Amino acid sequence: MATPKPITRVTLFKIASSSDAEILLSHYRGMPTNAIKDGKPYLLSVTAGPTFEDPRSQGFNFAAISKFKSKEDMAYYDEECAAHAALKAFAKGVIQGPPQVVYLEDGTAE
């Protein structure tokens, strides 16, 4: 059985307030140590922050890139992770419209 390739997930937000963007960024900064599965951190990496202004951004002004070992780990992140639940609870009150989420298996274009 082939070992699953890591999954890269890109999440885009529209946030009106720069102070709210800073708080969201602090949630993402804590993810590498606060996102716990089976007693240990499970995210391979997380990068997040405000985006550059560009008309192609369609109003999305904050991006987060998260890397997971597998789709199963990403499903855990969405459905069971307490740290991600806290992030979502905060974001729900400050984002404009739903976030845009896409993900892909690493190495697809190699």
C-alpha atoms as a PDB file:
ATOM      1  CA  MET A   1       0.000   0.000   0.000  1.00  0.00           C
ATOM      2  CA  ALA A   2       1.390   3.388  -1.007  1.00  0.00           C
ATOM      3  CA  THR A   3       2.148   5.892   1.706  1.00  0.00           C
ATOM      4  CA  PRO A   4      -0.217   8.863   1.400  1.00  0.00           C
ATOM      5  CA  LYS A   5       1.386  12.111   0.301  1.00  0.00           C
ATOM      6  CA  PRO A   6       1.039  15.152   2.539  1.00  0.00           C
ATOM      7  CA  ILE A   7      -1.942  17.443   1.986  1.00  0.00           C
ATOM      8  CA  THR A   8      -1.535  21.208   1.588  1.00  0.00           C
ATOM      9  CA  ARG A   9      -4.598  23.272   2.433  1.00  0.00           C
ATOM     10  CA  VAL A  10      -5.058  26.943   1.563  1.00  0.00           C
ATOM     11  CA  THR A  11      -7.722  28.935   3.419  1.00  0.00           C
ATOM     12  CA  LEU A  12      -8.591  32.502   2.410  1.00  0.00           C
ATOM     13  CA  PHE A  13     -10.486  34.985   4.569  1.00  0.00           C
ATOM     14  CA  LYS A  14     -11.999  38.440   4.183  1.00  0.00           C
ATOM     15  CA  ILE A  15     -11.372  40.357   7.418  1.00  0.00           C
ATOM     16  CA  ALA A  16     -12.358  44.029   7.792  1.00  0.00           C
ATOM     17  CA  SER A  17     -10.323  44.873  10.897  1.00  0.00           C
ATOM     18  CA  SER A  18      -6.529  44.713  11.051  1.00  0.00           C
ATOM     19  CA  SER A  19      -6.765  44.113  14.811  1.00  0.00           C
ATOM     20  CA  ASP A  20      -8.998  41.082  14.179  1.00  0.00           C
ATOM     21  CA  ALA A  21      -6.481  39.871  11.581  1.00  0.00           C
ATOM     22  CA  GLU A  22      -3.750  40.096  14.256  1.00  0.00           C
ATOM     23  CA  ILE A  23      -5.818  37.998  16.664  1.00  0.00           C
ATOM     24  CA  LEU A  24      -6.504  35.417  13.951  1.00  0.00           C
ATOM     25  CA  LEU A  25      -2.786  35.350  13.199  1.00  0.00           C
ATOM     26  CA  SER A  26      -2.067  34.660  16.882  1.00  0.00           C
ATOM     27  CA  HIS A  27      -4.420  31.661  16.722  1.00  0.00           C
ATOM     28  CA  TYR A  28      -2.531  30.332  13.698  1.00  0.00           C
ATOM     29  CA  ARG A  29       0.842  30.957  15.356  1.00  0.00           C
ATOM     30  CA  GLY A  30      -0.230  28.657  18.181  1.00  0.00           C
ATOM     31  CA  MET A  31      -1.418  25.857  15.918  1.00  0.00           C
ATOM     32  CA  PRO A  32       1.906  23.996  15.568  1.00  0.00           C
ATOM     33  CA  THR A  33       1.949  23.310  19.323  1.00  0.00           C
ATOM     34  CA  ASN A  34      -1.735  23.623  20.292  1.00  0.00           C
ATOM     35  CA  ALA A  35      -3.232  21.348  17.628  1.00  0.00           C
ATOM     36  CA  ILE A  36      -2.964  17.967  19.355  1.00  0.00           C
ATOM     37  CA  LYS A  37      -3.967  14.498  18.137  1.00  0.00           C
ATOM     38  CA  ASP A  38      -3.188  11.322  20.062  1.00  0.00           C
ATOM     39  CA  GLY A  39      -1.322  13.387  22.663  1.00  0.00           C
ATOM     40  CA  LYS A  40       1.089  15.123  20.287  1.00  0.00           C
ATOM     41  CA  PRO A  41       1.180  17.925  17.703  1.00  0.00           C
ATOM     42  CA  TYR A  42       0.159  16.672  14.270  1.00  0.00           C
ATOM     43  CA  LEU A  43       0.319  19.601  11.833  1.00  0.00           C
ATOM     44  CA  LEU A  44       3.361  19.380   9.578  1.00  0.00           C
ATOM     45  CA  SER A  45       3.454  23.164   9.100  1.00  0.00           C
ATOM     46  CA  VAL A  46       1.325  26.313   9.243  1.00  0.00           C
ATOM     47  CA  THR A  47       1.926  29.670   7.546  1.00  0.00           C
ATOM     48  CA  ALA A  48      -0.578  32.515   7.857  1.00  0.00           C
ATOM     49  CA  GLY A  49      -0.906  36.258   7.550  1.00  0.00           C
ATOM     50  CA  PRO A  50      -2.312  39.223   5.676  1.00  0.00           C
ATOM     51  CA  THR A  51      -2.022  39.076   1.887  1.00  0.00           C
ATOM     52  CA  PHE A  52      -0.757  41.725  -0.510  1.00  0.00           C
ATOM     53  CA  GLU A  53      -3.423  43.918  -2.057  1.00  0.00           C
ATOM     54  CA  ASP A  54      -4.253  42.739  -5.570  1.00  0.00           C
ATOM     55  CA  PRO A  55      -7.446  43.072  -7.625  1.00  0.00           C
ATOM     56  CA  ARG A  56      -7.313  39.326  -8.346  1.00  0.00           C
ATOM     57  CA  SER A  57      -7.718  38.619  -4.615  1.00  0.00           C
ATOM     58  CA  GLN A  58     -11.441  39.420  -4.837  1.00  0.00           C
ATOM     59  CA  GLY A  59     -11.429  40.905  -1.347  1.00  0.00           C
ATOM     60  CA  PHE A  60      -9.665  38.001   0.369  1.00  0.00           C
ATOM     61  CA  ASN A  61      -7.011  39.656   2.523  1.00  0.00           C
ATOM     62  CA  PHE A  62      -5.758  36.935   4.895  1.00  0.00           C
ATOM     63  CA  ALA A  63      -4.385  33.517   3.955  1.00  0.00           C
ATOM     64  CA  ALA A  64      -3.457  30.397   5.891  1.00  0.00           C
ATOM     65  CA  ILE A  65      -1.513  27.466   4.461  1.00  0.00           C
ATOM     66  CA  SER A  66      -1.610  24.306   6.554  1.00  0.00           C
ATOM     67  CA  LYS A  67       0.154  21.042   5.786  1.00  0.00           C
ATOM     68  CA  PHE A  68      -1.149  17.681   7.006  1.00  0.00           C
ATOM     69  CA  LYS A  69       0.298  14.176   6.891  1.00  0.00           C
ATOM     70  CA  SER A  70      -2.951  12.848   5.372  1.00  0.00           C
ATOM     71  CA  LYS A  71      -6.543  13.670   4.481  1.00  0.00           C
ATOM     72  CA  GLU A  72      -7.505  11.873   7.688  1.00  0.00           C
ATOM     73  CA  ASP A  73      -5.462  14.349   9.741  1.00  0.00           C
ATOM     74  CA  MET A  74      -7.127  17.212   7.878  1.00  0.00           C
ATOM     75  CA  ALA A  75     -10.558  15.716   8.649  1.00  0.00           C
ATOM     76  CA  TYR A  76      -9.570  15.492  12.333  1.00  0.00           C
ATOM     77  CA  TYR A  77      -8.532  19.171  12.189  1.00  0.00           C
ATOM     78  CA  ASP A  78     -11.941  20.133  10.801  1.00  0.00           C
ATOM     79  CA  GLU A  79     -14.100  17.918  12.991  1.00  0.00           C
ATOM     80  CA  GLU A  80     -12.335  17.219  16.301  1.00  0.00           C
ATOM     81  CA  CYS A  81      -9.337  19.485  16.943  1.00  0.00           C
ATOM     82  CA  ALA A  82      -9.980  21.743  19.960  1.00  0.00           C
ATOM     83  CA  ALA A  83      -7.404  24.346  18.854  1.00  0.00           C
ATOM     84  CA  HIS A  84      -8.999  24.617  15.416  1.00  0.00           C
ATOM     85  CA  ALA A  85     -12.470  24.802  17.005  1.00  0.00           C
ATOM     86  CA  ALA A  86     -11.305  27.828  19.028  1.00  0.00           C
ATOM     87  CA  LEU A  87      -9.868  29.444  15.898  1.00  0.00           C
ATOM     88  CA  LYS A  88     -13.128  28.849  13.989  1.00  0.00           C
ATOM     89  CA  ALA A  89     -15.198  30.266  16.861  1.00  0.00           C
ATOM     90  CA  PHE A  90     -13.172  33.483  16.782  1.00  0.00           C
ATOM     91  CA  ALA A  91     -13.089  33.725  12.983  1.00  0.00           C
ATOM     92  CA  LYS A  92     -16.833  33.213  12.658  1.00  0.00           C
ATOM     93  CA  GLY A  93     -17.419  36.546  14.387  1.00  0.00           C
ATOM     94  CA  VAL A  94     -14.932  38.608  12.373  1.00  0.00           C
ATOM     95  CA  ILE A  95     -14.843  37.313   8.802  1.00  0.00           C
ATOM     96  CA  GLN A  96     -16.999  38.631   6.006  1.00  0.00           C
ATOM     97  CA  GLY A  97     -18.663  35.684   4.289  1.00  0.00           C
ATOM     98  CA  PRO A  98     -17.414  32.120   4.379  1.00  0.00           C
ATOM     99  CA  PRO A  99     -13.720  31.357   3.946  1.00  0.00           C
ATOM    100  CA  GLN A 100     -12.492  29.888   0.672  1.00  0.00           C
ATOM    101  CA  VAL A 101     -10.776  26.522   1.232  1.00  0.00           C
ATOM    102  CA  VAL A 102      -8.874  24.412  -1.296  1.00  0.00           C
ATOM    103  CA  TYR A 103      -6.474  21.534  -0.737  1.00  0.00           C
ATOM    104  CA  LEU A 104      -4.234  19.301  -2.797  1.00  0.00           C
ATOM    105  CA  GLU A 105      -1.958  16.328  -2.483  1.00  0.00           C
ATOM    106  CA  ASP A 106       1.684  17.415  -2.444  1.00  0.00           C
ATOM    107  CA  GLY A 107       3.741  16.560  -5.496  1.00  0.00           C
ATOM    108  CA  THR A 108       0.824  16.554  -7.918  1.00  0.00           C
ATOM    109  CA  ALA A 109       2.662  18.801 -10.405  1.00  0.00           C
ATOM    110  CA  GLU A 110       6.052  17.100 -10.108  1.00  0.00           C
END
